[in-house]
Protein backbone atom coordinates (compact mmCIF):
# COMPACT_ATOMS: atom_id res chain seq x y z
CA UNK A 1 106.31 176.41 158.31
CA UNK A 2 109.29 175.67 156.02
CA UNK A 3 108.27 174.64 152.44
CA UNK A 4 111.09 173.05 150.44
CA UNK A 5 110.96 174.12 146.80
CA UNK A 6 114.05 172.68 145.27
CA UNK A 7 114.73 169.17 143.91
CA UNK A 8 114.96 166.51 146.59
CA UNK A 9 118.23 164.59 146.81
CA UNK A 10 117.90 160.86 146.42
CA UNK A 11 117.45 159.20 149.74
CA UNK A 12 117.54 155.57 150.81
CA UNK A 13 114.34 154.80 152.65
CA UNK A 14 113.25 151.54 154.21
CA UNK A 15 109.76 150.43 154.68
CA UNK A 16 108.52 147.37 156.61
CA UNK A 17 107.30 143.95 155.67
CA UNK A 18 104.93 141.48 157.45
CA UNK A 19 105.98 137.95 157.32
CA UNK A 20 103.47 134.87 157.45
CA UNK A 21 103.47 131.25 156.71
CA UNK A 22 107.16 130.46 157.67
CA UNK A 23 107.56 126.83 156.44
CA UNK A 24 109.86 124.11 157.70
CA UNK A 25 112.06 124.42 154.58
CA UNK A 26 112.55 128.17 155.07
CA UNK A 27 109.78 129.39 152.79
CA UNK A 28 107.67 132.36 153.88
CA UNK A 29 105.36 134.93 152.52
CA UNK A 30 104.07 138.38 153.68
CA UNK A 31 103.47 142.03 152.78
CA UNK A 32 106.08 144.70 152.18
CA UNK A 33 104.76 148.12 152.61
CA UNK A 34 100.99 148.35 153.12
CA UNK A 35 99.78 151.03 150.69
CA UNK A 36 98.71 154.31 152.46
CA UNK A 37 100.31 153.61 155.85
CA UNK A 38 102.63 156.33 157.28
CA UNK A 39 106.02 154.94 158.37
CA UNK A 40 108.32 156.26 161.14
CA UNK A 41 110.32 158.19 158.38
CA UNK A 42 106.97 159.95 157.47
CA UNK A 43 106.69 158.29 154.07
CA UNK A 44 103.63 156.86 152.51
CA UNK A 45 103.90 154.31 149.70
CA UNK A 46 101.16 154.63 147.13
CA UNK A 47 99.46 151.77 145.19
CA UNK A 48 101.41 151.13 142.00
CA UNK A 49 104.73 152.70 143.29
CA UNK A 50 106.60 149.47 142.41
CA UNK A 51 104.92 148.67 139.14
CA UNK A 52 107.79 149.78 136.75
CA UNK A 53 110.60 148.34 139.09
CA UNK A 54 108.83 145.03 139.28
CA UNK A 55 108.47 144.89 135.49
CA UNK A 56 111.91 145.76 134.85
CA UNK A 57 113.71 143.86 137.68
CA UNK A 58 111.12 141.00 138.77
CA UNK A 59 111.62 139.00 142.02
CA UNK A 60 114.96 137.62 140.83
CA UNK A 61 116.43 141.13 140.76
CA UNK A 62 115.65 142.05 144.27
CA UNK A 63 117.98 140.92 146.82
CA UNK A 64 117.06 139.26 150.16
CA UNK A 65 119.48 140.57 152.93
CA UNK A 66 120.05 140.54 156.58
CA UNK A 67 119.77 143.88 158.28
CA UNK A 68 120.26 145.74 154.94
CA UNK A 69 123.87 144.48 154.82
CA UNK A 70 124.92 143.78 151.24
CA UNK A 71 127.52 141.40 152.50
CA UNK A 72 124.96 139.29 154.15
CA UNK A 73 122.46 137.70 151.40
CA UNK A 74 120.41 135.11 153.16
CA UNK A 75 118.14 133.71 150.42
CA UNK A 76 116.08 134.63 147.35
CA UNK A 77 112.61 136.18 146.61
CA UNK A 78 110.48 133.72 144.54
CA UNK A 79 107.55 136.19 144.07
CA UNK A 80 106.98 139.82 144.43
CA UNK A 81 103.75 141.54 143.40
CA UNK A 82 101.54 144.38 144.13
CA UNK A 83 97.75 143.63 145.08
CA UNK A 84 95.06 145.80 146.59
CA UNK A 85 96.64 145.70 150.08
CA UNK A 86 100.41 146.25 149.26
CA UNK A 87 103.43 144.71 148.01
CA UNK A 88 103.12 140.92 148.62
CA UNK A 89 106.25 138.66 148.57
CA UNK A 90 107.24 135.07 148.91
CA UNK A 91 110.82 134.08 149.60
CA UNK A 92 112.97 131.15 150.53
CA UNK A 93 115.88 131.25 153.06
CA UNK A 94 119.04 129.43 151.85
CA UNK A 95 119.60 126.47 154.23
CA UNK A 96 123.33 126.27 153.16
CA UNK A 97 124.05 129.79 154.46
CA UNK A 98 124.82 129.93 158.36
CA UNK A 99 123.14 133.40 158.81
CA UNK A 100 120.00 132.04 157.04
CA UNK A 101 119.74 129.20 159.32
CA UNK A 102 120.17 131.64 162.30
CA UNK A 103 117.42 133.91 160.85
CA UNK A 104 115.09 130.87 160.25
CA UNK A 105 115.50 129.82 163.95
CA UNK A 106 115.10 133.40 165.17
CA UNK A 107 111.90 133.84 163.03
CA UNK A 108 110.46 130.59 164.33
CA UNK A 109 110.96 131.61 167.87
CA UNK A 110 109.66 135.01 167.38
CA UNK A 111 112.94 136.77 168.34
CA UNK A 112 113.30 138.24 164.84
CA UNK A 113 110.18 139.18 163.04
CA UNK A 114 110.59 142.37 161.06
CA UNK A 115 111.29 142.95 157.36
CA UNK A 116 112.13 146.23 155.46
CA UNK A 117 112.46 147.28 151.96
CA UNK A 118 115.24 149.23 150.53
CA UNK A 119 114.50 151.46 147.48
CA UNK A 120 115.35 154.54 145.58
CA UNK A 121 112.65 157.16 145.25
CA UNK A 122 111.88 157.92 141.62
CA UNK A 123 108.87 160.07 142.07
CA UNK A 124 107.28 161.55 145.10
CA UNK A 125 105.11 164.57 146.37
CA UNK A 126 104.90 166.34 149.55
CA UNK A 127 101.67 166.24 151.53
CA UNK A 128 102.02 169.41 153.63
CA UNK A 129 98.49 168.95 155.13
CA UNK A 130 99.76 165.67 156.81
CA UNK A 131 103.47 166.50 156.91
CA UNK A 132 104.38 163.20 155.00
CA UNK A 133 106.09 162.31 151.74
CA UNK A 134 103.98 160.22 149.31
CA UNK A 135 106.07 157.89 147.30
CA UNK A 136 104.49 157.60 143.82
CA UNK A 137 107.20 155.46 142.07
CA UNK A 138 110.14 153.75 143.75
CA UNK A 139 112.89 151.48 142.39
CA UNK A 140 113.08 148.36 144.66
CA UNK A 141 116.32 146.78 145.02
CA UNK A 142 116.39 144.77 148.22
CA UNK A 143 114.13 143.39 151.00
CA UNK A 144 115.76 142.62 154.30
CA UNK A 145 114.97 140.75 157.43
CA UNK A 146 115.43 143.16 160.18
CA UNK A 147 115.14 143.58 164.00
CA UNK A 148 113.35 147.00 163.91
CA UNK A 149 111.07 147.58 160.87
CA UNK A 150 110.03 150.94 159.73
CA UNK A 151 106.45 150.24 160.25
CA UNK A 152 105.83 149.26 163.81
CA UNK A 153 102.81 147.00 162.86
CA UNK A 154 104.98 144.91 160.66
CA UNK A 155 105.56 141.62 162.40
CA UNK A 156 105.39 137.94 161.71
CA UNK A 157 101.79 136.87 161.83
CA UNK A 158 102.01 133.11 161.54
CA UNK A 159 104.82 130.63 161.98
CA UNK A 160 104.20 127.01 160.74
CA UNK A 161 105.54 124.17 162.79
CA UNK A 162 106.01 126.32 165.88
CA UNK A 163 103.71 127.03 169.01
CA UNK A 164 104.14 130.83 168.95
CA UNK A 165 101.45 133.50 169.19
CA UNK A 166 102.60 137.04 169.43
CA UNK A 167 100.71 139.69 171.43
CA UNK A 168 100.08 142.45 168.99
CA UNK A 169 100.80 145.11 171.79
CA UNK A 170 104.28 144.01 172.85
CA UNK A 171 106.39 146.55 174.67
CA UNK A 172 108.41 147.23 171.50
CA UNK A 173 105.42 148.01 169.46
CA UNK A 174 103.84 150.34 172.12
CA UNK A 175 107.25 152.29 172.41
CA UNK A 176 107.63 152.54 168.82
CA UNK A 177 104.17 153.96 168.49
CA UNK A 178 104.78 156.37 171.10
CA UNK A 179 107.92 157.50 169.37
CA UNK A 180 106.03 157.99 166.25
CA UNK A 181 103.34 159.95 167.92
CA UNK A 182 106.01 162.20 169.51
CA UNK A 183 107.73 162.81 166.13
CA UNK A 184 104.42 163.81 164.50
CA UNK A 185 103.38 165.99 167.43
CA UNK A 186 106.80 167.92 167.47
CA UNK A 187 106.89 168.26 163.66
CA UNK A 188 103.53 170.15 163.58
CA UNK A 189 104.49 172.65 166.38
CA UNK A 190 107.16 174.36 164.43
């Protein structure tokens, strides 16, 4: 087993977001990062990790992007807060932006249902027992609508004004879970 003892370089990590309640005007709500859940990058966001960042930056200082592309802003976050479950967000897609209209249509049809947060790790600790990194403090700088979120379980849960019901065990979710199990199994062998 290799134990890293030096300072860790700053990494860009992305965690998932679950959307819910997509309104006819492009408003939606959901949870970024559910606290205590291991993502495919073997990171766990701890409760309170975003507290300082949210106080300093607020919802208006966190960008809403498409696929983490800084050239593709698609709306604005109207509320971001931590609660007992995780990082709760509410946002509004900008109707005057072509990409936002496309994203809205794809979300309503269920074709695009993942979100992901971009942050800079401020403070973390390794959990060698589980082989994961626990994020204790993170500087949140953007939340994106994405095709493949870091947490396989992060999906649209409810779409208003659309007759769409998603099977929790879609092939994509099953294949991502298999990949995560393989990743964890191979990391503990060596």
